[in-house]
C-alpha cells in the first residue's frame, strides 16, 4: 500500500476486472470562465475539460452575442454605450 499523503491530487479506490483494488487519480474540475473586465464568473459558459467542451454543441459553449464567452452582459452593455458616444 502506498502512502497517500505523499501524492498530489485526489485518488479513488476502484476494483479492477481481476478483482484487485487499485487507486485511480480523480481529475479536478476546471474553473469557471471569467469576465475579462470585472473577473466575475461568466453565466452561460460551459464548465468542463477541453474534450468535454469540444464534444458539446456550439450553442452550449458560449452565449450567442458579441463578446460572448469573454465579457459578462453588464460589461458588454457598458462597452457598447461607450463606443456609441
PDB file of N, CA and C in Angstrom:
ATOM      1  N   UNK A   1       0.846  -1.182   0.000  1.00  0.00           N
ATOM      2  CA  UNK A   1       0.000   0.000   0.000  1.00  0.00           C
ATOM      3  C   UNK A   1       0.887   1.239   0.000  1.00  0.00           C
ATOM      4  N   UNK A   2       0.546   2.207  -0.843  1.00  0.00           N
ATOM      5  CA  UNK A   2       1.324   3.430  -0.977  1.00  0.00           C
ATOM      6  C   UNK A   2       0.775   4.480  -0.027  1.00  0.00           C
ATOM      7  N   UNK A   3       1.679   5.269   0.560  1.00  0.00           N
ATOM      8  CA  UNK A   3       1.260   6.342   1.454  1.00  0.00           C
ATOM      9  C   UNK A   3       0.579   7.433   0.631  1.00  0.00           C
ATOM     10  N   UNK A   4      -0.720   7.630   0.820  1.00  0.00           N
ATOM     11  CA  UNK A   4      -1.485   8.579   0.027  1.00  0.00           C
ATOM     12  C   UNK A   4      -1.139  10.025   0.347  1.00  0.00           C
ATOM     13  N   UNK A   5      -0.611  10.293   1.525  1.00  0.00           N
ATOM     14  CA  UNK A   5      -0.344  11.675   1.904  1.00  0.00           C
ATOM     15  C   UNK A   5       0.807  12.280   1.108  1.00  0.00           C
ATOM     16  N   UNK A   6       1.655  11.444   0.499  1.00  0.00           N
ATOM     17  CA  UNK A   6       2.788  11.960  -0.261  1.00  0.00           C
ATOM     18  C   UNK A   6       2.417  12.303  -1.702  1.00  0.00           C
ATOM     19  N   UNK A   7       1.252  11.883  -2.150  1.00  0.00           N
ATOM     20  CA  UNK A   7       0.877  12.096  -3.543  1.00  0.00           C
ATOM     21  C   UNK A   7       0.067  13.378  -3.693  1.00  0.00           C
ATOM     22  N   UNK A   8       0.157  13.956  -4.881  1.00  0.00           N
ATOM     23  CA  UNK A   8      -0.629  15.149  -5.159  1.00  0.00           C
ATOM     24  C   UNK A   8      -1.904  14.739  -5.889  1.00  0.00           C
ATOM     25  N   UNK A   9      -2.968  15.440  -5.662  1.00  0.00           N
ATOM     26  CA  UNK A   9      -4.238  15.163  -6.318  1.00  0.00           C
ATOM     27  C   UNK A   9      -5.059  14.135  -5.564  1.00  0.00           C
ATOM     28  N   UNK A  10      -6.337  14.067  -5.912  1.00  0.00           N
ATOM     29  CA  UNK A  10      -7.245  13.140  -5.255  1.00  0.00           C
ATOM     30  C   UNK A  10      -7.149  11.771  -5.913  1.00  0.00           C
ATOM     31  N   UNK A  11      -7.353  10.740  -5.123  1.00  0.00           N
ATOM     32  CA  UNK A  11      -7.332   9.374  -5.633  1.00  0.00           C
ATOM     33  C   UNK A  11      -8.553   8.627  -5.115  1.00  0.00           C
ATOM     34  N   UNK A  12      -8.995   7.674  -5.937  1.00  0.00           N
ATOM     35  CA  UNK A  12     -10.186   6.910  -5.616  1.00  0.00           C
ATOM     36  C   UNK A  12      -9.857   5.434  -5.735  1.00  0.00           C
ATOM     37  N   UNK A  13     -10.345   4.627  -4.816  1.00  0.00           N
ATOM     38  CA  UNK A  13     -10.109   3.195  -4.833  1.00  0.00           C
ATOM     39  C   UNK A  13     -11.138   2.543  -5.746  1.00  0.00           C
ATOM     40  N   UNK A  14     -10.676   1.828  -6.806  1.00  0.00           N
ATOM     41  CA  UNK A  14     -11.576   1.167  -7.748  1.00  0.00           C
ATOM     42  C   UNK A  14     -11.222  -0.311  -7.842  1.00  0.00           C
ATOM     43  N   UNK A  15     -12.212  -1.114  -8.160  1.00  0.00           N
ATOM     44  CA  UNK A  15     -11.999  -2.553  -8.318  1.00  0.00           C
ATOM     45  C   UNK A  15     -11.759  -2.857  -9.790  1.00  0.00           C
ATOM     46  N   UNK A  16     -10.658  -3.529 -10.084  1.00  0.00           N
ATOM     47  CA  UNK A  16     -10.310  -3.870 -11.465  1.00  0.00           C
ATOM     48  C   UNK A  16     -11.033  -5.156 -11.868  1.00  0.00           C
ATOM     49  N   UNK A  17     -11.056  -5.469 -13.178  1.00  0.00           N
ATOM     50  CA  UNK A  17     -11.693  -6.720 -13.612  1.00  0.00           C
ATOM     51  C   UNK A  17     -11.054  -7.968 -13.012  1.00  0.00           C
ATOM     52  N   UNK A  18      -9.785  -7.893 -12.594  1.00  0.00           N
ATOM     53  CA  UNK A  18      -9.120  -9.036 -11.982  1.00  0.00           C
ATOM     54  C   UNK A  18      -9.384  -9.151 -10.495  1.00  0.00           C
ATOM     55  N   UNK A  19     -10.405  -8.470  -9.996  1.00  0.00           N
ATOM     56  CA  UNK A  19     -10.811  -8.482  -8.585  1.00  0.00           C
ATOM     57  C   UNK A  19      -9.736  -7.932  -7.648  1.00  0.00           C
ATOM     58  N   UNK A  20      -8.918  -7.039  -8.138  1.00  0.00           N
ATOM     59  CA  UNK A  20      -7.946  -6.353  -7.295  1.00  0.00           C
ATOM     60  C   UNK A  20      -8.397  -4.908  -7.132  1.00  0.00           C
ATOM     61  N   UNK A  21      -7.928  -4.281  -6.078  1.00  0.00           N
ATOM     62  CA  UNK A  21      -8.253  -2.881  -5.848  1.00  0.00           C
ATOM     63  C   UNK A  21      -7.033  -2.028  -6.127  1.00  0.00           C
ATOM     64  N   UNK A  22      -7.235  -0.949  -6.879  1.00  0.00           N
ATOM     65  CA  UNK A  22      -6.149  -0.028  -7.197  1.00  0.00           C
ATOM     66  C   UNK A  22      -6.653   1.398  -7.015  1.00  0.00           C
ATOM     67  N   UNK A  23      -5.692   2.308  -6.830  1.00  0.00           N
ATOM     68  CA  UNK A  23      -6.047   3.719  -6.747  1.00  0.00           C
ATOM     69  C   UNK A  23      -6.043   4.325  -8.133  1.00  0.00           C
ATOM     70  N   UNK A  24      -7.064   5.096  -8.433  1.00  0.00           N
ATOM     71  CA  UNK A  24      -7.150   5.805  -9.703  1.00  0.00           C
ATOM     72  C   UNK A  24      -7.217   7.288  -9.408  1.00  0.00           C
ATOM     73  N   UNK A  25      -6.483   8.082 -10.168  1.00  0.00           N
ATOM     74  CA  UNK A  25      -6.453   9.521  -9.954  1.00  0.00           C
ATOM     75  C   UNK A  25      -7.774  10.142 -10.390  1.00  0.00           C
ATOM     76  N   UNK A  26      -8.311  11.015  -9.576  1.00  0.00           N
ATOM     77  CA  UNK A  26      -9.545  11.733  -9.889  1.00  0.00           C
ATOM     78  C   UNK A  26      -9.142  13.108 -10.378  1.00  0.00           C
ATOM     79  N   UNK A  27      -9.506  13.427 -11.626  1.00  0.00           N
ATOM     80  CA  UNK A  27      -9.112  14.721 -12.179  1.00  0.00           C
ATOM     81  C   UNK A  27      -9.999  15.826 -11.610  1.00  0.00           C
ATOM     82  N   UNK A  28      -9.399  16.984 -11.366  1.00  0.00           N
ATOM     83  CA  UNK A  28     -10.140  18.116 -10.823  1.00  0.00           C
ATOM     84  C   UNK A  28     -10.982  18.762 -11.911  1.00  0.00           C
ATOM     85  N   UNK A  29     -12.087  19.361 -11.488  1.00  0.00           N
ATOM     86  CA  UNK A  29     -12.918  20.090 -12.439  1.00  0.00           C
ATOM     87  C   UNK A  29     -12.254  21.410 -12.767  1.00  0.00           C
ATOM     88  N   UNK A  30     -12.311  21.838 -14.018  1.00  0.00           N
ATOM     89  CA  UNK A  30     -11.730  23.137 -14.353  1.00  0.00           C
ATOM     90  C   UNK A  30     -12.539  24.280 -13.744  1.00  0.00           C
ATOM     91  N   UNK A  31     -11.910  25.430 -13.600  1.00  0.00           N
ATOM     92  CA  UNK A  31     -12.586  26.593 -13.045  1.00  0.00           C
ATOM     93  C   UNK A  31     -13.581  27.163 -14.045  1.00  0.00           C
ATOM     94  N   UNK A  32     -14.439  28.048 -13.534  1.00  0.00           N
ATOM     95  CA  UNK A  32     -15.390  28.728 -14.388  1.00  0.00           C
ATOM     96  C   UNK A  32     -14.661  29.732 -15.272  1.00  0.00           C
ATOM     97  N   UNK A  33     -15.240  30.038 -16.426  1.00  0.00           N
ATOM     98  CA  UNK A  33     -14.707  31.108 -17.262  1.00  0.00           C
ATOM     99  C   UNK A  33     -15.027  32.440 -16.592  1.00  0.00           C
ATOM    100  N   UNK A  34     -14.109  33.398 -16.670  1.00  0.00           N
ATOM    101  CA  UNK A  34     -14.284  34.685 -16.003  1.00  0.00           C
ATOM    102  C   UNK A  34     -14.319  35.815 -17.012  1.00  0.00           C
ATOM    103  N   UNK A  35     -15.013  36.891 -16.646  1.00  0.00           N
ATOM    104  CA  UNK A  35     -15.112  38.083 -17.478  1.00  0.00           C
ATOM    105  C   UNK A  35     -13.742  38.755 -17.567  1.00  0.00           C
ATOM    106  N   UNK A  36     -13.416  39.279 -18.745  1.00  0.00           N
ATOM    107  CA  UNK A  36     -12.115  39.918 -18.952  1.00  0.00           C
ATOM    108  C   UNK A  36     -12.034  41.264 -18.237  1.00  0.00           C
ATOM    109  N   UNK A  37     -13.170  41.920 -17.982  1.00  0.00           N
ATOM    110  CA  UNK A  37     -13.161  43.227 -17.320  1.00  0.00           C
ATOM    111  C   UNK A  37     -13.265  43.115 -15.802  1.00  0.00           C
ATOM    112  N   UNK A  38     -14.349  42.502 -15.326  1.00  0.00           N
ATOM    113  CA  UNK A  38     -14.646  42.531 -13.895  1.00  0.00           C
ATOM    114  C   UNK A  38     -14.235  41.250 -13.175  1.00  0.00           C
ATOM    115  N   UNK A  39     -13.812  40.229 -13.883  1.00  0.00           N
ATOM    116  CA  UNK A  39     -13.330  38.970 -13.313  1.00  0.00           C
ATOM    117  C   UNK A  39     -14.415  38.188 -12.572  1.00  0.00           C
ATOM    118  N   UNK A  40     -15.680  38.434 -12.889  1.00  0.00           N
ATOM    119  CA  UNK A  40     -16.774  37.646 -12.328  1.00  0.00           C
ATOM    120  C   UNK A  40     -16.980  36.396 -13.182  1.00  0.00           C
ATOM    121  N   UNK A  41     -17.492  35.307 -12.596  1.00  0.00           N
ATOM    122  CA  UNK A  41     -17.757  34.106 -13.407  1.00  0.00           C
ATOM    123  C   UNK A  41     -18.799  34.392 -14.486  1.00  0.00           C
ATOM    124  N   UNK A  42     -18.568  33.849 -15.669  1.00  0.00           N
ATOM    125  CA  UNK A  42     -19.475  34.087 -16.787  1.00  0.00           C
ATOM    126  C   UNK A  42     -20.629  33.097 -16.762  1.00  0.00           C
ATOM    127  N   UNK A  43     -21.880  33.587 -16.756  1.00  0.00           N
ATOM    128  CA  UNK A  43     -23.012  32.677 -16.847  1.00  0.00           C
ATOM    129  C   UNK A  43     -23.197  32.226 -18.293  1.00  0.00           C
ATOM    130  N   UNK A  44     -23.646  31.008 -18.474  1.00  0.00           N
ATOM    131  CA  UNK A  44     -23.932  30.512 -19.813  1.00  0.00           C
ATOM    132  C   UNK A  44     -22.747  29.891 -20.522  1.00  0.00           C
ATOM    133  N   UNK A  45     -21.570  29.853 -19.875  1.00  0.00           N
ATOM    134  CA  UNK A  45     -20.396  29.240 -20.486  1.00  0.00           C
ATOM    135  C   UNK A  45     -20.175  27.897 -19.811  1.00  0.00           C
ATOM    136  N   UNK A  46     -19.998  26.857 -20.610  1.00  0.00           N
ATOM    137  CA  UNK A  46     -19.882  25.505 -20.077  1.00  0.00           C
ATOM    138  C   UNK A  46     -18.600  25.358 -19.263  1.00  0.00           C
ATOM    139  N   UNK A  47     -18.680  24.583 -18.189  1.00  0.00           N
ATOM    140  CA  UNK A  47     -17.529  24.333 -17.324  1.00  0.00           C
ATOM    141  C   UNK A  47     -17.127  22.880 -17.516  1.00  0.00           C
ATOM    142  N   UNK A  48     -16.003  22.658 -18.165  1.00  0.00           N
ATOM    143  CA  UNK A  48     -15.557  21.295 -18.404  1.00  0.00           C
ATOM    144  C   UNK A  48     -14.172  21.280 -19.004  1.00  0.00           C
ATOM    145  N   UNK A  49     -13.648  20.083 -19.186  1.00  0.00           N
ATOM    146  CA  UNK A  49     -12.339  19.945 -19.805  1.00  0.00           C
ATOM    147  C   UNK A  49     -12.451  20.294 -21.282  1.00  0.00           C
ATOM    148  N   UNK A  50     -11.319  20.449 -21.933  1.00  0.00           N
ATOM    149  CA  UNK A  50     -11.347  20.821 -23.347  1.00  0.00           C
ATOM    150  C   UNK A  50     -12.057  19.769 -24.183  1.00  0.00           C
ATOM    151  N   UNK A  51     -11.906  18.498 -23.814  1.00  0.00           N
ATOM    152  CA  UNK A  51     -12.580  17.427 -24.550  1.00  0.00           C
ATOM    153  C   UNK A  51     -14.088  17.527 -24.357  1.00  0.00           C
ATOM    154  N   UNK A  52     -14.535  17.770 -23.139  1.00  0.00           N
ATOM    155  CA  UNK A  52     -15.971  17.895 -22.877  1.00  0.00           C
ATOM    156  C   UNK A  52     -16.561  19.098 -23.599  1.00  0.00           C
ATOM    157  N   UNK A  53     -15.820  20.197 -23.623  1.00  0.00           N
ATOM    158  CA  UNK A  53     -16.308  21.405 -24.281  1.00  0.00           C
ATOM    159  C   UNK A  53     -16.408  21.175 -25.781  1.00  0.00           C
ATOM    160  N   UNK A  54     -15.411  20.513 -26.357  1.00  0.00           N
ATOM    161  CA  UNK A  54     -15.415  20.255 -27.795  1.00  0.00           C
ATOM    162  C   UNK A  54     -16.558  19.331 -28.195  1.00  0.00           C
ATOM    163  N   UNK A  55     -16.916  18.378 -27.326  1.00  0.00           N
ATOM    164  CA  UNK A  55     -17.986  17.430 -27.642  1.00  0.00           C
ATOM    165  C   UNK A  55     -19.374  18.057 -27.517  1.00  0.00           C
ATOM    166  N   UNK A  56     -19.504  19.145 -26.767  1.00  0.00           N
ATOM    167  CA  UNK A  56     -20.814  19.768 -26.585  1.00  0.00           C
ATOM    168  C   UNK A  56     -21.180  20.579 -27.823  1.00  0.00           C
ATOM    169  N   UNK A  57     -22.460  20.880 -27.960  1.00  0.00           N
ATOM    170  CA  UNK A  57     -22.907  21.634 -29.126  1.00  0.00           C
ATOM    171  C   UNK A  57     -22.463  23.090 -29.020  1.00  0.00           C
ATOM    172  N   UNK A  58     -22.428  23.779 -30.151  1.00  0.00           N
ATOM    173  CA  UNK A  58     -21.912  25.152 -30.185  1.00  0.00           C
ATOM    174  C   UNK A  58     -22.781  26.095 -29.359  1.00  0.00           C
ATOM    175  N   UNK A  59     -24.094  25.830 -29.311  1.00  0.00           N
ATOM    176  CA  UNK A  59     -24.985  26.707 -28.554  1.00  0.00           C
ATOM    177  C   UNK A  59     -24.784  26.560 -27.045  1.00  0.00           C
ATOM    178  N   UNK A  60     -24.219  25.433 -26.604  1.00  0.00           N
ATOM    179  CA  UNK A  60     -23.981  25.237 -25.174  1.00  0.00           C
ATOM    180  C   UNK A  60     -22.661  25.855 -24.731  1.00  0.00           C
ATOM    181  N   UNK A  61     -21.722  26.086 -25.655  1.00  0.00           N
ATOM    182  CA  UNK A  61     -20.379  26.525 -25.274  1.00  0.00           C
ATOM    183  C   UNK A  61     -20.353  27.951 -24.750  1.00  0.00           C
ATOM    184  N   UNK A  62     -20.985  28.873 -25.453  1.00  0.00           N
ATOM    185  CA  UNK A  62     -20.970  30.265 -25.017  1.00  0.00           C
ATOM    186  C   UNK A  62     -22.202  30.970 -25.547  1.00  0.00           C
ATOM    187  N   UNK A  63     -22.575  32.110 -24.961  1.00  0.00           N
ATOM    188  CA  UNK A  63     -23.747  32.852 -25.427  1.00  0.00           C
ATOM    189  C   UNK A  63     -23.556  33.357 -26.855  1.00  0.00           C
ATOM    190  N   UNK A  64     -24.653  33.441 -27.579  1.00  0.00           N
ATOM    191  CA  UNK A  64     -24.619  33.853 -28.980  1.00  0.00           C
ATOM    192  C   UNK A  64     -24.828  35.362 -29.071  1.00  0.00           C
ATOM    193  N   UNK A  65     -23.814  36.128 -28.695  1.00  0.00           N
ATOM    194  CA  UNK A  65     -23.847  37.586 -28.781  1.00  0.00           C
ATOM    195  C   UNK A  65     -22.411  38.060 -28.949  1.00  0.00           C
ATOM    196  N   UNK A  66     -22.202  39.323 -29.310  1.00  0.00           N
ATOM    197  CA  UNK A  66     -20.822  39.819 -29.437  1.00  0.00           C
ATOM    198  C   UNK A  66     -20.085  39.692 -28.110  1.00  0.00           C
ATOM    199  N   UNK A  67     -18.845  39.269 -28.156  1.00  0.00           N
ATOM    200  CA  UNK A  67     -18.001  39.033 -26.975  1.00  0.00           C
ATOM    201  C   UNK A  67     -18.592  37.980 -26.045  1.00  0.00           C
ATOM    202  N   UNK A  68     -19.417  37.077 -26.574  1.00  0.00           N
ATOM    203  CA  UNK A  68     -19.979  36.002 -25.767  1.00  0.00           C
ATOM    204  C   UNK A  68     -18.883  35.050 -25.327  1.00  0.00           C
ATOM    205  N   UNK A  69     -18.787  34.775 -24.047  1.00  0.00           N
ATOM    206  CA  UNK A  69     -17.746  33.918 -23.522  1.00  0.00           C
ATOM    207  C   UNK A  69     -16.504  34.682 -23.098  1.00  0.00           C
ATOM    208  N   UNK A  70     -16.486  36.007 -23.291  1.00  0.00           N
ATOM    209  CA  UNK A  70     -15.346  36.831 -22.887  1.00  0.00           C
ATOM    210  C   UNK A  70     -15.753  37.938 -21.925  1.00  0.00           C
ATOM    211  N   UNK A  71     -16.913  38.555 -22.170  1.00  0.00           N
ATOM    212  CA  UNK A  71     -17.414  39.627 -21.302  1.00  0.00           C
ATOM    213  C   UNK A  71     -18.785  39.246 -20.763  1.00  0.00           C
ATOM    214  N   UNK A  72     -19.060  39.662 -19.530  1.00  0.00           N
ATOM    215  CA  UNK A  72     -20.404  39.460 -18.986  1.00  0.00           C
ATOM    216  C   UNK A  72     -21.328  40.527 -19.587  1.00  0.00           C
ATOM    217  N   UNK A  73     -22.625  40.348 -19.443  1.00  0.00           N
ATOM    218  CA  UNK A  73     -23.567  41.243 -20.096  1.00  0.00           C
ATOM    219  C   UNK A  73     -23.489  42.683 -19.587  1.00  0.00           C
ATOM    220  N   UNK A  74     -23.297  42.964 -18.271  1.00  0.00           N
ATOM    221  CA  UNK A  74     -23.173  44.365 -17.853  1.00  0.00           C
ATOM    222  C   UNK A  74     -21.932  45.052 -18.440  1.00  0.00           C
ATOM    223  N   UNK A  75     -20.805  44.338 -18.500  1.00  0.00           N
ATOM    224  CA  UNK A  75     -19.583  44.926 -19.069  1.00  0.00           C
ATOM    225  C   UNK A  75     -19.744  45.162 -20.566  1.00  0.00           C
ATOM    226  N   UNK A  76     -20.415  44.246 -21.256  1.00  0.00           N
ATOM    227  CA  UNK A  76     -20.658  44.419 -22.688  1.00  0.00           C
ATOM    228  C   UNK A  76     -21.567  45.616 -22.923  1.00  0.00           C
ATOM    229  N   UNK A  77     -22.588  45.770 -22.083  1.00  0.00           N
ATOM    230  CA  UNK A  77     -23.505  46.900 -22.225  1.00  0.00           C
ATOM    231  C   UNK A  77     -22.751  48.217 -22.062  1.00  0.00           C
ATOM    232  N   UNK A  78     -21.879  48.284 -21.030  1.00  0.00           N
ATOM    233  CA  UNK A  78     -21.074  49.494 -20.821  1.00  0.00           C
ATOM    234  C   UNK A  78     -20.164  49.763 -22.005  1.00  0.00           C
ATOM    235  N   UNK A  79     -19.559  48.707 -22.550  1.00  0.00           N
ATOM    236  CA  UNK A  79     -18.648  48.854 -23.680  1.00  0.00           C
ATOM    237  C   UNK A  79     -19.378  49.385 -24.907  1.00  0.00           C
ATOM    238  N   UNK A  80     -20.576  48.861 -25.176  1.00  0.00           N
ATOM    239  CA  UNK A  80     -21.332  49.311 -26.342  1.00  0.00           C
ATOM    240  C   UNK A  80     -21.810  50.749 -26.177  1.00  0.00           C
ATOM    241  N   UNK A  81     -22.215  51.130 -24.962  1.00  0.00           N
ATOM    242  CA  UNK A  81     -22.656  52.512 -24.716  1.00  0.00           C
ATOM    243  C   UNK A  81     -21.491  53.470 -24.898  1.00  0.00           C
ATOM    244  N   UNK A  82     -20.315  53.117 -24.371  1.00  0.00           N
ATOM    245  CA  UNK A  82     -19.141  53.987 -24.525  1.00  0.00           C
ATOM    246  C   UNK A  82     -18.683  54.082 -25.972  1.00  0.00           C
ATOM    247  N   UNK A  83     -18.848  53.001 -26.743  1.00  0.00           N
ATOM    248  CA  UNK A  83     -18.433  53.022 -28.145  1.00  0.00           C
ATOM    249  C   UNK A  83     -19.369  53.881 -28.986  1.00  0.00           C
ATOM    250  N   UNK A  84     -20.647  53.964 -28.609  1.00  0.00           N
ATOM    251  CA  UNK A  84     -21.600  54.749 -29.403  1.00  0.00           C
ATOM    252  C   UNK A  84     -21.514  56.236 -29.087  1.00  0.00           C
ATOM    253  N   UNK A  85     -20.856  56.607 -27.993  1.00  0.00           N
ATOM    254  CA  UNK A  85     -20.765  58.023 -27.628  1.00  0.00           C
ATOM    255  C   UNK A  85     -19.759  58.754 -28.448  1.00  0.00           C
TER     256      UNK A  85
END
